[in-house]
């Protein structure tokens, strides 16, 4: 009997600003190679307009490239997300991605909830809630990589990047009462890998492994003027938490609001769960093992 046949599978959607940096690619591949995920779709997300006017389209192109490298083109639904942030907290930006979340949420049950991982802004989740307010009462878990840390020490720029790309959406989702697991910046930035580790772990994993490494090196070379030989795979905790929720230390907190400067303000007080630590050993070891296995099987 195949291992997949005895596993209970988890219903998952991954919403990703895939071409924003070099870490989404690892998270997407990890999700696609995880047999316990019943992957209901991938949603390419925008990542603002600071570098390009077609960020969602570039995310879609990157997803299509990864699916091609994995030989999965056509086997996983891809539904385009919103091309821009919400104009305010009351107006959705309708998209196939938001509609996919809405439709899949209707199929969820208490025994089989829907998990939606957001590796970028929360635009498509907020739009889905605005288009279908009943969604917040369904068994849906929103896992978001975003927001500053809560621990009160300096983290760099005040406005965390994923938050900055749609503060309206973050406020709407956090205030809605839907189940939220948040992985803030002071946690996701600790999932660091070096070039040496990547070469040792997945350097011989065929075209997929080579692409993941080279696109990370190219990103660093283009965006970091100082010498660097490592990067944080900051989006990957979302995958680890869906694979094994106990791999993260999740503390219940009252939901905040976000100020225009990205700071935390008093909010709705709906309970959310904030990840304060993630098992990086489990996360990286599982991801690297799956990429190596894929490379062996597709030589």
Protein backbone atom coordinates (compact mmCIF):
# COMPACT_ATOMS: atom_id res chain seq x y z
CA UNK A 1 0.00 0.00 0.00
CA UNK A 2 1.39 3.41 -0.92
CA UNK A 3 2.10 5.84 1.92
CA UNK A 4 -0.34 8.36 0.46
CA UNK A 5 -3.16 5.83 0.71
CA UNK A 6 -2.95 5.60 4.52
CA UNK A 7 -2.56 9.33 5.17
CA UNK A 8 -5.39 11.64 6.09
CA UNK A 9 -5.06 14.68 3.85
CA UNK A 10 -5.46 18.35 4.75
CA UNK A 11 -7.36 20.71 2.43
CA UNK A 12 -5.02 23.56 1.48
CA UNK A 13 -4.88 26.67 -0.69
CA UNK A 14 -1.58 28.57 -1.07
CA UNK A 15 -1.78 32.29 -1.87
CA UNK A 16 1.65 33.56 -2.86
CA UNK A 17 3.40 36.68 -4.15
CA UNK A 18 5.70 34.20 -5.83
CA UNK A 19 7.99 36.57 -7.74
CA UNK A 20 8.43 39.09 -4.96
CA UNK A 21 11.56 37.51 -3.50
CA UNK A 22 13.31 34.13 -3.50
CA UNK A 23 11.66 32.33 -0.59
CA UNK A 24 8.11 31.76 -1.87
CA UNK A 25 9.53 29.30 -4.38
CA UNK A 26 10.77 26.98 -1.63
CA UNK A 27 7.44 27.13 0.22
CA UNK A 28 5.43 26.44 -2.94
CA UNK A 29 7.58 23.45 -3.88
CA UNK A 30 7.42 22.11 -0.32
CA UNK A 31 3.64 22.32 -0.41
CA UNK A 32 3.37 20.69 -3.81
CA UNK A 33 5.61 17.80 -2.74
CA UNK A 34 3.76 17.11 0.53
CA UNK A 35 1.45 14.08 0.16
CA UNK A 36 -0.75 15.01 3.14
CA UNK A 37 -1.87 18.18 1.36
CA UNK A 38 -5.02 18.03 -0.70
CA UNK A 39 -3.95 21.13 -2.60
CA UNK A 40 -7.12 22.80 -3.79
CA UNK A 41 -5.35 25.58 -5.64
CA UNK A 42 -2.56 28.11 -5.94
CA UNK A 43 -3.38 31.82 -6.03
CA UNK A 44 -0.79 34.25 -7.41
CA UNK A 45 -0.82 37.47 -5.39
CA UNK A 46 0.29 41.03 -6.05
CA UNK A 47 3.21 42.53 -4.16
CA UNK A 48 2.63 46.23 -4.58
CA UNK A 49 3.91 48.59 -7.24
CA UNK A 50 7.34 49.53 -5.94
CA UNK A 51 9.24 47.34 -8.42
CA UNK A 52 6.69 46.54 -11.12
CA UNK A 53 3.19 47.45 -12.28
CA UNK A 54 2.30 43.81 -13.00
CA UNK A 55 3.26 42.06 -9.79
CA UNK A 56 0.36 39.59 -9.72
CA UNK A 57 1.06 38.61 -13.32
CA UNK A 58 4.73 38.04 -12.47
CA UNK A 59 3.69 35.85 -9.54
CA UNK A 60 1.51 33.83 -11.93
CA UNK A 61 4.44 33.35 -14.31
CA UNK A 62 6.64 32.11 -11.47
CA UNK A 63 3.99 29.63 -10.31
CA UNK A 64 3.63 28.34 -13.86
CA UNK A 65 7.42 27.90 -14.07
CA UNK A 66 7.55 25.92 -10.83
CA UNK A 67 4.68 23.69 -11.91
CA UNK A 68 6.55 23.00 -15.15
CA UNK A 69 9.75 22.09 -13.27
CA UNK A 70 7.71 19.69 -11.13
CA UNK A 71 5.86 18.18 -14.09
CA UNK A 72 2.57 19.31 -12.54
CA UNK A 73 1.28 21.73 -15.15
CA UNK A 74 -2.49 21.36 -15.35
CA UNK A 75 -2.71 19.12 -12.28
CA UNK A 76 -3.23 21.90 -9.72
CA UNK A 77 -5.78 24.72 -10.17
CA UNK A 78 -4.23 28.19 -10.46
CA UNK A 79 -6.61 31.11 -9.92
CA UNK A 80 -5.31 34.65 -10.34
CA UNK A 81 -5.60 36.89 -7.30
CA UNK A 82 -6.27 40.61 -7.14
CA UNK A 83 -3.85 42.81 -9.11
CA UNK A 84 -3.97 45.57 -6.47
CA UNK A 85 -4.61 46.16 -2.79
CA UNK A 86 -8.06 47.01 -1.44
CA UNK A 87 -8.95 50.71 -1.82
CA UNK A 88 -10.52 50.67 1.67
CA UNK A 89 -11.88 48.20 4.22
CA UNK A 90 -15.32 48.02 2.58
CA UNK A 91 -14.58 47.44 -1.11
CA UNK A 92 -13.41 44.04 -2.40
CA UNK A 93 -11.14 43.54 -5.38
CA UNK A 94 -12.93 40.63 -6.99
CA UNK A 95 -10.79 37.93 -8.59
CA UNK A 96 -10.79 34.23 -9.49
CA UNK A 97 -8.55 33.71 -6.45
CA UNK A 98 -11.07 35.23 -4.04
CA UNK A 99 -13.82 33.17 -5.68
CA UNK A 100 -11.75 29.98 -5.25
CA UNK A 101 -11.45 30.65 -1.51
CA UNK A 102 -15.19 31.27 -1.29
CA UNK A 103 -16.13 28.08 -3.12
CA UNK A 104 -13.67 25.87 -1.26
CA UNK A 105 -14.80 27.27 2.09
CA UNK A 106 -18.31 25.99 1.37
CA UNK A 107 -16.95 22.45 1.10
CA UNK A 108 -15.11 22.60 4.43
CA UNK A 109 -16.34 20.92 7.60
CA UNK A 110 -15.29 20.79 11.24
CA UNK A 111 -13.62 17.45 10.53
CA UNK A 112 -12.10 18.70 7.30
CA UNK A 113 -11.36 22.44 7.58
CA UNK A 114 -9.85 24.52 4.82
CA UNK A 115 -6.38 25.98 5.46
CA UNK A 116 -5.42 29.02 3.38
CA UNK A 117 -1.77 30.04 3.59
CA UNK A 118 -0.91 33.64 2.71
CA UNK A 119 2.74 34.25 1.85
CA UNK A 120 2.09 37.87 0.87
CA UNK A 121 -0.74 40.37 1.46
CA UNK A 122 -4.19 39.35 2.70
CA UNK A 123 -6.01 41.01 -0.20
CA UNK A 124 -7.74 37.91 -1.57
CA UNK A 125 -8.90 36.72 1.87
CA UNK A 126 -10.35 40.14 2.67
CA UNK A 127 -12.06 40.29 -0.71
CA UNK A 128 -13.56 36.84 -0.22
CA UNK A 129 -14.97 37.89 3.17
CA UNK A 130 -16.45 41.07 1.73
CA UNK A 131 -18.01 39.15 -1.15
CA UNK A 132 -19.30 36.36 1.11
CA UNK A 133 -19.63 37.50 4.76
CA UNK A 134 -20.83 34.04 5.83
CA UNK A 135 -17.32 32.77 5.12
CA UNK A 136 -16.11 33.86 8.58
CA UNK A 137 -18.47 31.33 10.19
CA UNK A 138 -17.09 28.40 8.21
CA UNK A 139 -14.21 26.16 9.35
CA UNK A 140 -11.42 28.08 7.61
CA UNK A 141 -7.93 28.65 9.03
CA UNK A 142 -5.99 31.63 7.68
CA UNK A 143 -2.20 31.26 8.09
CA UNK A 144 -0.45 34.59 7.40
CA UNK A 145 3.24 35.32 7.09
CA UNK A 146 3.20 38.98 8.04
CA UNK A 147 3.15 41.78 10.56
CA UNK A 148 5.86 43.02 12.92
CA UNK A 149 6.88 41.13 16.02
CA UNK A 150 5.13 41.63 19.34
CA UNK A 151 8.19 41.38 21.55
CA UNK A 152 9.18 45.03 21.61
CA UNK A 153 12.73 45.01 20.24
CA UNK A 154 14.04 46.69 17.11
CA UNK A 155 13.36 44.76 13.90
CA UNK A 156 14.33 47.23 11.22
CA UNK A 157 11.80 49.19 9.14
CA UNK A 158 8.54 49.65 11.02
CA UNK A 159 6.14 48.57 8.28
CA UNK A 160 6.53 44.86 7.66
CA UNK A 161 6.53 44.18 3.90
CA UNK A 162 3.53 41.86 3.49
CA UNK A 163 1.46 44.10 5.74
CA UNK A 164 2.54 47.22 3.85
CA UNK A 165 1.11 45.86 0.61
CA UNK A 166 -2.45 45.88 1.99
CA UNK A 167 -3.04 47.27 5.49
CA UNK A 168 -6.78 47.56 4.76
CA UNK A 169 -6.99 43.84 4.05
CA UNK A 170 -5.07 42.92 7.20
CA UNK A 171 -7.38 45.05 9.34
CA UNK A 172 -10.47 43.52 7.78
CA UNK A 173 -9.29 39.92 8.21
CA UNK A 174 -8.03 40.41 11.77
CA UNK A 175 -11.26 42.12 12.76
CA UNK A 176 -13.57 39.59 11.10
CA UNK A 177 -13.47 36.84 13.71
CA UNK A 178 -12.17 34.23 11.26
CA UNK A 179 -9.52 31.85 12.62
CA UNK A 180 -6.08 33.42 12.10
CA UNK A 181 -2.61 31.97 12.73
CA UNK A 182 -0.07 34.78 12.34
CA UNK A 183 3.67 34.29 11.82
CA UNK A 184 5.22 37.74 12.45
CA UNK A 185 8.52 39.07 11.16
CA UNK A 186 10.64 38.28 14.22
CA UNK A 187 9.76 34.58 13.78
CA UNK A 188 9.77 34.09 10.00
CA UNK A 189 13.13 35.81 9.54
CA UNK A 190 14.81 33.11 11.65
CA UNK A 191 14.38 30.39 8.99
CA UNK A 192 17.82 31.03 7.52
CA UNK A 193 19.81 28.89 5.08
CA UNK A 194 23.28 29.38 3.64
CA UNK A 195 24.49 28.80 0.10
CA UNK A 196 26.70 25.99 1.42
CA UNK A 197 23.75 24.25 3.06
CA UNK A 198 21.62 24.56 -0.06
CA UNK A 199 24.38 23.11 -2.25
CA UNK A 200 24.89 20.23 0.15
CA UNK A 201 21.20 19.45 0.59
CA UNK A 202 19.61 20.01 -2.84
CA UNK A 203 22.47 20.91 -5.21
CA UNK A 204 22.19 17.56 -6.96
CA UNK A 205 18.37 17.48 -7.02
CA UNK A 206 18.16 18.02 -10.77
CA UNK A 207 16.79 21.09 -12.56
CA UNK A 208 14.38 21.84 -9.70
CA UNK A 209 17.12 22.01 -7.07
CA UNK A 210 19.41 24.02 -9.33
CA UNK A 211 16.66 26.53 -10.09
CA UNK A 212 15.78 27.05 -6.44
CA UNK A 213 19.41 27.73 -5.55
CA UNK A 214 20.25 29.92 -8.52
CA UNK A 215 17.17 32.13 -8.27
CA UNK A 216 18.00 32.73 -4.60
CA UNK A 217 21.59 33.67 -5.44
CA UNK A 218 20.38 35.96 -8.22
CA UNK A 219 17.93 37.69 -5.88
CA UNK A 220 20.63 38.39 -3.32
CA UNK A 221 23.02 39.65 -5.98
CA UNK A 222 20.41 42.03 -7.38
CA UNK A 223 19.06 43.39 -4.10
CA UNK A 224 21.88 43.21 -1.54
CA UNK A 225 24.95 45.36 -2.24
CA UNK A 226 26.88 43.94 0.73
CA UNK A 227 28.48 40.47 0.55
CA UNK A 228 25.96 37.81 1.52
CA UNK A 229 25.77 34.02 1.32
CA UNK A 230 22.51 33.23 3.04
CA UNK A 231 18.82 34.01 3.00
CA UNK A 232 15.78 33.56 5.22
CA UNK A 233 13.13 31.23 3.80
CA UNK A 234 10.55 33.28 5.64
CA UNK A 235 7.45 31.95 3.89
CA UNK A 236 8.13 28.33 4.77
CA UNK A 237 6.71 28.37 8.33
CA UNK A 238 3.23 28.48 6.79
CA UNK A 239 3.88 25.09 5.19
CA UNK A 240 5.33 23.62 8.38
CA UNK A 241 2.34 24.75 10.44
CA UNK A 242 -0.06 23.10 8.02
CA UNK A 243 1.98 19.89 7.92
CA UNK A 244 2.38 19.68 11.69
CA UNK A 245 0.73 22.44 13.76
CA UNK A 246 2.73 21.39 16.83
CA UNK A 247 5.90 22.49 15.02
CA UNK A 248 5.03 26.04 16.06
CA UNK A 249 4.50 27.58 19.47
CA UNK A 250 1.15 29.35 19.03
CA UNK A 251 0.00 31.78 21.69
CA UNK A 252 -3.57 33.11 21.79
CA UNK A 253 -3.75 36.90 21.67
CA UNK A 254 -6.52 39.44 21.07
CA UNK A 255 -6.63 40.51 17.44
CA UNK A 256 -5.04 43.94 16.92
CA UNK A 257 -5.55 46.58 14.26
CA UNK A 258 -2.70 47.98 12.23
CA UNK A 259 -1.94 51.67 11.98
CA UNK A 260 -0.95 53.37 8.74
CA UNK A 261 2.67 53.10 9.91
CA UNK A 262 2.32 49.34 10.42
CA UNK A 263 2.19 49.52 14.21
CA UNK A 264 -0.17 47.50 16.39
CA UNK A 265 -3.25 49.24 17.77
CA UNK A 266 -6.14 48.02 19.93
CA UNK A 267 -8.42 45.90 17.77
CA UNK A 268 -11.50 43.70 17.81
CA UNK A 269 -10.15 41.40 20.54
CA UNK A 270 -11.23 38.34 18.57
CA UNK A 271 -8.77 35.60 19.57
CA UNK A 272 -6.00 34.88 17.08
CA UNK A 273 -2.99 32.61 17.39
CA UNK A 274 0.46 34.12 17.02
CA UNK A 275 3.42 31.86 16.26
CA UNK A 276 6.25 32.74 18.65
CA UNK A 277 8.67 30.04 17.50
CA UNK A 278 8.85 27.46 14.74
CA UNK A 279 10.74 24.15 14.59
CA UNK A 280 13.25 25.12 11.92
CA UNK A 281 14.95 21.71 12.00
CA UNK A 282 11.72 19.91 11.13
CA UNK A 283 10.79 22.48 8.49
CA UNK A 284 14.09 22.44 6.57
CA UNK A 285 14.79 18.73 6.94
CA UNK A 286 11.36 17.78 5.61
CA UNK A 287 11.57 20.23 2.71
CA UNK A 288 15.10 19.22 1.67
CA UNK A 289 14.25 15.51 1.90
CA UNK A 290 11.24 15.92 -0.37
CA UNK A 291 13.21 17.96 -2.94
CA UNK A 292 16.04 15.37 -2.94
CA UNK A 293 13.54 12.54 -3.37
CA UNK A 294 11.92 14.34 -6.28
CA UNK A 295 15.34 14.83 -7.87
CA UNK A 296 16.16 11.12 -7.58
CA UNK A 297 12.83 10.08 -9.05
CA UNK A 298 13.13 12.43 -12.04
CA UNK A 299 16.72 11.99 -13.18
